[in-house]
Amino acid sequence: MRYVSSLVAVIVLAGVSSITVKALGSDLISVPNVISMSEPVAQQVLQNIGLSFATSGLPHLGVDVGSVGGQIPIGGTEIDPRHSLVFLSLSTEKGVAVPKLVGSSIQKAGLDLKVAGLNMHLPSGQPDLVISGGMCDPTTYYKATVVSVSPAEGSFLFRGTTVEVNYTVAFIRKEPGPPCNKDKTMVR
């Protein structure tokens, strides 16, 4: 982007020579994109082409701590280095990535999220993984498997953020109950 393009057009229309216009345009420098560079590397890149800079810190999810998470003006902008400053926002917190959960059991997904410092929300409620009709009835086993998560796996979040986990429940097996008397008491 060129901020002086309308100024150049006004000067040309006013009858200033093209030599003066070229002199104005030659003083501009294209700002490099330094996003994701470490602070020392980004500063060296800017200093090497004669640009001044200022820094501050903010959390930038997914950007390593101490690296550039944002810059103003953006890379590709043409500025006059004598009258301009590039502002760098350095990452103070990267956050944590949502682990791979799809295909895992609900129990493993909950543990993996806890280890990562994240919380789990089951939009359909807590799945019944074991259903039993009583002491002498057969026991039916089910498995709840993660089918999707939101935000997506690999997304960076702040610690303590809740991840929505969607799952399906599938039948695993049915086992007969223990030997029982007619009055539904266990045989001893």
C-alpha atoms as a PDB file:
ATOM      1  CA  MET A   1       0.000   0.000   0.000  1.00  0.00           C
ATOM      2  CA  ARG A   2       1.187   3.526  -0.719  1.00  0.00           C
ATOM      3  CA  TYR A   3      -0.025   6.292   1.539  1.00  0.00           C
ATOM      4  CA  VAL A   4       1.422   9.043  -0.646  1.00  0.00           C
ATOM      5  CA  SER A   5      -0.260   8.067  -3.927  1.00  0.00           C
ATOM      6  CA  SER A   6      -3.005  10.715  -3.612  1.00  0.00           C
ATOM      7  CA  LEU A   7      -0.395  13.303  -2.570  1.00  0.00           C
ATOM      8  CA  VAL A   8       1.701  12.474  -5.649  1.00  0.00           C
ATOM      9  CA  ALA A   9      -1.359  12.873  -7.874  1.00  0.00           C
ATOM     10  CA  VAL A  10      -2.073  16.313  -6.372  1.00  0.00           C
ATOM     11  CA  ILE A  11       1.553  17.420  -6.864  1.00  0.00           C
ATOM     12  CA  VAL A  12       1.553  16.256 -10.504  1.00  0.00           C
ATOM     13  CA  LEU A  13      -1.715  18.063 -11.146  1.00  0.00           C
ATOM     14  CA  ALA A  14      -0.263  21.224  -9.589  1.00  0.00           C
ATOM     15  CA  GLY A  15       2.464  21.253 -12.213  1.00  0.00           C
ATOM     16  CA  VAL A  16       5.453  20.142 -10.145  1.00  0.00           C
ATOM     17  CA  SER A  17       8.158  18.494 -12.234  1.00  0.00           C
ATOM     18  CA  SER A  18       8.360  14.701 -12.417  1.00  0.00           C
ATOM     19  CA  ILE A  19      11.884  14.848 -10.926  1.00  0.00           C
ATOM     20  CA  THR A  20      10.429  16.164  -7.630  1.00  0.00           C
ATOM     21  CA  VAL A  21       7.744  13.456  -7.607  1.00  0.00           C
ATOM     22  CA  LYS A  22      10.351  10.700  -8.095  1.00  0.00           C
ATOM     23  CA  ALA A  23      12.380  12.132  -5.215  1.00  0.00           C
ATOM     24  CA  LEU A  24       9.350  11.854  -2.912  1.00  0.00           C
ATOM     25  CA  GLY A  25       8.648   8.269  -3.998  1.00  0.00           C
ATOM     26  CA  SER A  26      12.251   7.095  -3.636  1.00  0.00           C
ATOM     27  CA  ASP A  27      12.251   7.884   0.091  1.00  0.00           C
ATOM     28  CA  LEU A  28       9.706   5.179   0.794  1.00  0.00           C
ATOM     29  CA  ILE A  29      10.648   1.768   2.181  1.00  0.00           C
ATOM     30  CA  SER A  30       8.467  -1.328   2.073  1.00  0.00           C
ATOM     31  CA  VAL A  31       7.889  -2.634   5.600  1.00  0.00           C
ATOM     32  CA  PRO A  32       8.908  -6.296   5.837  1.00  0.00           C
ATOM     33  CA  ASN A  33       6.558  -8.843   7.392  1.00  0.00           C
ATOM     34  CA  VAL A  34       8.182  -9.835  10.694  1.00  0.00           C
ATOM     35  CA  ILE A  35       5.213 -11.745  12.166  1.00  0.00           C
ATOM     36  CA  SER A  36       6.326 -14.915  14.045  1.00  0.00           C
ATOM     37  CA  MET A  37       9.996 -13.849  14.054  1.00  0.00           C
ATOM     38  CA  SER A  38      11.753 -13.743  17.426  1.00  0.00           C
ATOM     39  CA  GLU A  39      12.133 -10.234  18.862  1.00  0.00           C
ATOM     40  CA  PRO A  40      15.905  -9.995  18.189  1.00  0.00           C
ATOM     41  CA  VAL A  41      15.566 -11.228  14.595  1.00  0.00           C
ATOM     42  CA  ALA A  42      12.634  -8.901  13.831  1.00  0.00           C
ATOM     43  CA  GLN A  43      14.468  -5.903  15.298  1.00  0.00           C
ATOM     44  CA  GLN A  44      17.600  -6.716  13.292  1.00  0.00           C
ATOM     45  CA  VAL A  45      15.564  -7.001  10.061  1.00  0.00           C
ATOM     46  CA  LEU A  46      13.984  -3.583  10.686  1.00  0.00           C
ATOM     47  CA  GLN A  47      17.258  -1.925  11.720  1.00  0.00           C
ATOM     48  CA  ASN A  48      19.055  -3.304   8.641  1.00  0.00           C
ATOM     49  CA  ILE A  49      16.740  -1.321   6.348  1.00  0.00           C
ATOM     50  CA  GLY A  50      16.680   1.796   8.522  1.00  0.00           C
ATOM     51  CA  LEU A  51      13.291   1.467  10.215  1.00  0.00           C
ATOM     52  CA  SER A  52      12.674   2.491  13.821  1.00  0.00           C
ATOM     53  CA  PHE A  53      10.411   0.365  16.002  1.00  0.00           C
ATOM     54  CA  ALA A  54       8.685   0.156  19.367  1.00  0.00           C
ATOM     55  CA  THR A  55       7.509  -2.966  21.206  1.00  0.00           C
ATOM     56  CA  SER A  56       4.893  -4.003  23.725  1.00  0.00           C
ATOM     57  CA  GLY A  57       3.574  -7.354  24.873  1.00  0.00           C
ATOM     58  CA  LEU A  58       0.203  -9.070  24.539  1.00  0.00           C
ATOM     59  CA  PRO A  59      -0.935 -12.704  24.492  1.00  0.00           C
ATOM     60  CA  HIS A  60      -0.919 -14.053  20.922  1.00  0.00           C
ATOM     61  CA  LEU A  61      -2.351 -17.559  20.726  1.00  0.00           C
ATOM     62  CA  GLY A  62      -0.158 -19.895  18.696  1.00  0.00           C
ATOM     63  CA  VAL A  63       2.825 -17.512  18.617  1.00  0.00           C
ATOM     64  CA  ASP A  64       5.891 -18.444  20.678  1.00  0.00           C
ATOM     65  CA  VAL A  65       6.511 -16.237  23.705  1.00  0.00           C
ATOM     66  CA  GLY A  66       8.900 -13.423  22.751  1.00  0.00           C
ATOM     67  CA  SER A  67       8.049 -13.598  19.051  1.00  0.00           C
ATOM     68  CA  VAL A  68       6.148 -11.005  17.022  1.00  0.00           C
ATOM     69  CA  GLY A  69       2.402 -11.644  17.095  1.00  0.00           C
ATOM     70  CA  GLY A  70       1.360  -8.421  15.377  1.00  0.00           C
ATOM     71  CA  GLN A  71       2.816  -5.398  13.642  1.00  0.00           C
ATOM     72  CA  ILE A  72       1.641  -1.973  12.518  1.00  0.00           C
ATOM     73  CA  PRO A  73       1.926  -1.123   9.699  1.00  0.00           C
ATOM     74  CA  ILE A  74       1.512  -4.530   8.107  1.00  0.00           C
ATOM     75  CA  GLY A  75       4.180  -6.040   5.872  1.00  0.00           C
ATOM     76  CA  GLY A  76       4.214  -4.578   2.361  1.00  0.00           C
ATOM     77  CA  THR A  77       3.159  -1.086   3.433  1.00  0.00           C
ATOM     78  CA  GLU A  78       5.449   1.613   2.066  1.00  0.00           C
ATOM     79  CA  ILE A  79       6.504   4.246   4.605  1.00  0.00           C
ATOM     80  CA  ASP A  80       8.988   7.089   4.935  1.00  0.00           C
ATOM     81  CA  PRO A  81      11.562   5.801   7.469  1.00  0.00           C
ATOM     82  CA  ARG A  82      12.424   9.361   8.588  1.00  0.00           C
ATOM     83  CA  HIS A  83       8.906   9.996   9.872  1.00  0.00           C
ATOM     84  CA  SER A  84       7.563   6.543  10.694  1.00  0.00           C
ATOM     85  CA  LEU A  85       7.762   3.904  13.389  1.00  0.00           C
ATOM     86  CA  VAL A  86       6.944   0.196  13.151  1.00  0.00           C
ATOM     87  CA  PHE A  87       5.041  -1.075  16.202  1.00  0.00           C
ATOM     88  CA  LEU A  88       5.705  -4.712  17.200  1.00  0.00           C
ATOM     89  CA  SER A  89       3.403  -6.624  19.541  1.00  0.00           C
ATOM     90  CA  LEU A  90       5.381  -9.419  21.195  1.00  0.00           C
ATOM     91  CA  SER A  91       3.663 -12.569  22.424  1.00  0.00           C
ATOM     92  CA  THR A  92       3.531 -12.930  26.195  1.00  0.00           C
ATOM     93  CA  GLU A  93       1.521 -16.168  26.085  1.00  0.00           C
ATOM     94  CA  LYS A  94       1.235 -18.824  23.391  1.00  0.00           C
ATOM     95  CA  GLY A  95      -1.637 -20.726  24.976  1.00  0.00           C
ATOM     96  CA  VAL A  96      -2.115 -24.485  24.750  1.00  0.00           C
ATOM     97  CA  ALA A  97      -3.075 -26.552  21.730  1.00  0.00           C
ATOM     98  CA  VAL A  98      -6.220 -28.670  21.730  1.00  0.00           C
ATOM     99  CA  PRO A  99      -4.826 -32.237  21.698  1.00  0.00           C
ATOM    100  CA  LYS A 100      -5.830 -34.930  19.218  1.00  0.00           C
ATOM    101  CA  LEU A 101      -9.073 -36.314  20.637  1.00  0.00           C
ATOM    102  CA  VAL A 102     -11.119 -37.652  17.707  1.00  0.00           C
ATOM    103  CA  GLY A 103     -11.244 -41.439  17.937  1.00  0.00           C
ATOM    104  CA  SER A 104     -10.410 -41.465  21.661  1.00  0.00           C
ATOM    105  CA  SER A 105     -12.725 -42.675  24.385  1.00  0.00           C
ATOM    106  CA  ILE A 106     -14.504 -40.010  26.419  1.00  0.00           C
ATOM    107  CA  GLN A 107     -12.398 -40.964  29.446  1.00  0.00           C
ATOM    108  CA  LYS A 108      -9.090 -40.540  27.554  1.00  0.00           C
ATOM    109  CA  ALA A 109     -10.285 -37.258  25.986  1.00  0.00           C
ATOM    110  CA  GLY A 110     -11.144 -35.900  29.432  1.00  0.00           C
ATOM    111  CA  LEU A 111      -7.731 -36.889  30.785  1.00  0.00           C
ATOM    112  CA  ASP A 112      -5.867 -35.451  27.768  1.00  0.00           C
ATOM    113  CA  LEU A 113      -7.730 -32.146  28.098  1.00  0.00           C
ATOM    114  CA  LYS A 114      -7.044 -32.003  31.841  1.00  0.00           C
ATOM    115  CA  VAL A 115      -3.315 -32.602  31.268  1.00  0.00           C
ATOM    116  CA  ALA A 116      -3.307 -29.773  28.672  1.00  0.00           C
ATOM    117  CA  GLY A 117      -5.007 -27.432  31.169  1.00  0.00           C
ATOM    118  CA  LEU A 118      -8.325 -27.366  29.300  1.00  0.00           C
ATOM    119  CA  ASN A 119     -11.869 -28.305  30.353  1.00  0.00           C
ATOM    120  CA  MET A 120     -14.323 -30.656  28.630  1.00  0.00           C
ATOM    121  CA  HIS A 121     -18.002 -30.037  27.907  1.00  0.00           C
ATOM    122  CA  LEU A 122     -20.236 -32.835  26.639  1.00  0.00           C
ATOM    123  CA  PRO A 123     -23.188 -31.157  24.886  1.00  0.00           C
ATOM    124  CA  SER A 124     -25.280 -34.338  25.037  1.00  0.00           C
ATOM    125  CA  GLY A 125     -24.693 -34.860  28.752  1.00  0.00           C
ATOM    126  CA  GLN A 126     -22.682 -37.587  30.433  1.00  0.00           C
ATOM    127  CA  PRO A 127     -22.814 -40.838  28.422  1.00  0.00           C
ATOM    128  CA  ASP A 128     -23.936 -44.006  30.179  1.00  0.00           C
ATOM    129  CA  LEU A 129     -21.084 -46.391  29.474  1.00  0.00           C
ATOM    130  CA  VAL A 130     -22.328 -49.290  31.587  1.00  0.00           C
ATOM    131  CA  ILE A 131     -26.009 -50.028  31.918  1.00  0.00           C
ATOM    132  CA  SER A 132     -27.198 -52.686  34.337  1.00  0.00           C
ATOM    133  CA  GLY A 133     -30.771 -53.615  35.175  1.00  0.00           C
ATOM    134  CA  GLY A 134     -29.979 -54.861  38.672  1.00  0.00           C
ATOM    135  CA  MET A 135     -27.847 -57.283  40.619  1.00  0.00           C
ATOM    136  CA  CYS A 136     -29.069 -60.378  38.779  1.00  0.00           C
ATOM    137  CA  ASP A 137     -29.750 -58.850  35.374  1.00  0.00           C
ATOM    138  CA  PRO A 138     -27.295 -58.924  32.472  1.00  0.00           C
ATOM    139  CA  THR A 139     -24.816 -56.069  32.122  1.00  0.00           C
ATOM    140  CA  THR A 140     -24.527 -54.215  28.817  1.00  0.00           C
ATOM    141  CA  TYR A 141     -21.305 -52.361  28.009  1.00  0.00           C
ATOM    142  CA  TYR A 142     -21.080 -49.380  25.685  1.00  0.00           C
ATOM    143  CA  LYS A 143     -18.184 -47.237  24.545  1.00  0.00           C
ATOM    144  CA  ALA A 144     -18.388 -43.480  23.958  1.00  0.00           C
ATOM    145  CA  THR A 145     -15.979 -42.361  21.207  1.00  0.00           C
ATOM    146  CA  VAL A 146     -15.100 -38.755  20.350  1.00  0.00           C
ATOM    147  CA  VAL A 147     -16.250 -37.825  16.813  1.00  0.00           C
ATOM    148  CA  SER A 148     -15.564 -34.060  16.804  1.00  0.00           C
ATOM    149  CA  VAL A 149     -14.320 -31.218  18.985  1.00  0.00           C
ATOM    150  CA  SER A 150     -14.806 -27.469  18.968  1.00  0.00           C
ATOM    151  CA  PRO A 151     -12.498 -25.569  18.738  1.00  0.00           C
ATOM    152  CA  ALA A 152     -10.670 -27.917  16.380  1.00  0.00           C
ATOM    153  CA  GLU A 153      -7.691 -30.059  17.338  1.00  0.00           C
ATOM    154  CA  GLY A 154      -4.478 -28.035  17.142  1.00  0.00           C
ATOM    155  CA  SER A 155      -6.227 -24.714  17.889  1.00  0.00           C
ATOM    156  CA  PHE A 156      -4.480 -22.638  20.543  1.00  0.00           C
ATOM    157  CA  LEU A 157      -6.532 -21.616  23.578  1.00  0.00           C
ATOM    158  CA  PHE A 158      -5.894 -19.999  26.938  1.00  0.00           C
ATOM    159  CA  ARG A 159      -5.541 -22.435  29.874  1.00  0.00           C
ATOM    160  CA  GLY A 160      -8.896 -23.125  31.497  1.00  0.00           C
ATOM    161  CA  THR A 161     -10.863 -22.768  28.249  1.00  0.00           C
ATOM    162  CA  THR A 162     -13.638 -25.312  27.675  1.00  0.00           C
ATOM    163  CA  VAL A 163     -13.582 -27.605  24.644  1.00  0.00           C
ATOM    164  CA  GLU A 164     -16.889 -29.034  23.408  1.00  0.00           C
ATOM    165  CA  VAL A 165     -16.565 -32.774  22.770  1.00  0.00           C
ATOM    166  CA  ASN A 166     -19.140 -34.579  20.605  1.00  0.00           C
ATOM    167  CA  TYR A 167     -19.294 -38.358  20.778  1.00  0.00           C
ATOM    168  CA  THR A 168     -21.144 -41.455  19.650  1.00  0.00           C
ATOM    169  CA  VAL A 169     -22.070 -44.385  21.841  1.00  0.00           C
ATOM    170  CA  ALA A 170     -21.648 -47.906  20.456  1.00  0.00           C
ATOM    171  CA  PHE A 171     -22.585 -51.292  21.895  1.00  0.00           C
ATOM    172  CA  ILE A 172     -19.582 -53.392  22.942  1.00  0.00           C
ATOM    173  CA  ARG A 173     -20.931 -56.503  24.620  1.00  0.00           C
ATOM    174  CA  LYS A 174     -23.584 -57.968  26.897  1.00  0.00           C
ATOM    175  CA  GLU A 175     -22.662 -60.258  29.774  1.00  0.00           C
ATOM    176  CA  PRO A 176     -25.154 -62.421  31.623  1.00  0.00           C
ATOM    177  CA  GLY A 177     -25.775 -61.621  35.251  1.00  0.00           C
ATOM    178  CA  PRO A 178     -24.498 -63.845  38.066  1.00  0.00           C
ATOM    179  CA  PRO A 179     -26.462 -66.939  39.091  1.00  0.00           C
ATOM    180  CA  CYS A 180     -29.534 -65.808  41.029  1.00  0.00           C
ATOM    181  CA  ASN A 181     -32.470 -67.321  42.858  1.00  0.00           C
ATOM    182  CA  LYS A 182     -36.039 -66.774  41.722  1.00  0.00           C
ATOM    183  CA  ASP A 183     -36.394 -63.960  44.258  1.00  0.00           C
ATOM    184  CA  LYS A 184     -33.500 -62.121  42.472  1.00  0.00           C
ATOM    185  CA  THR A 185     -30.965 -62.777  45.213  1.00  0.00           C
ATOM    186  CA  MET A 186     -27.526 -64.079  44.341  1.00  0.00           C
ATOM    187  CA  VAL A 187     -26.845 -67.781  44.759  1.00  0.00           C
ATOM    188  CA  ARG A 188     -24.287 -68.360  47.500  1.00  0.00           C
END
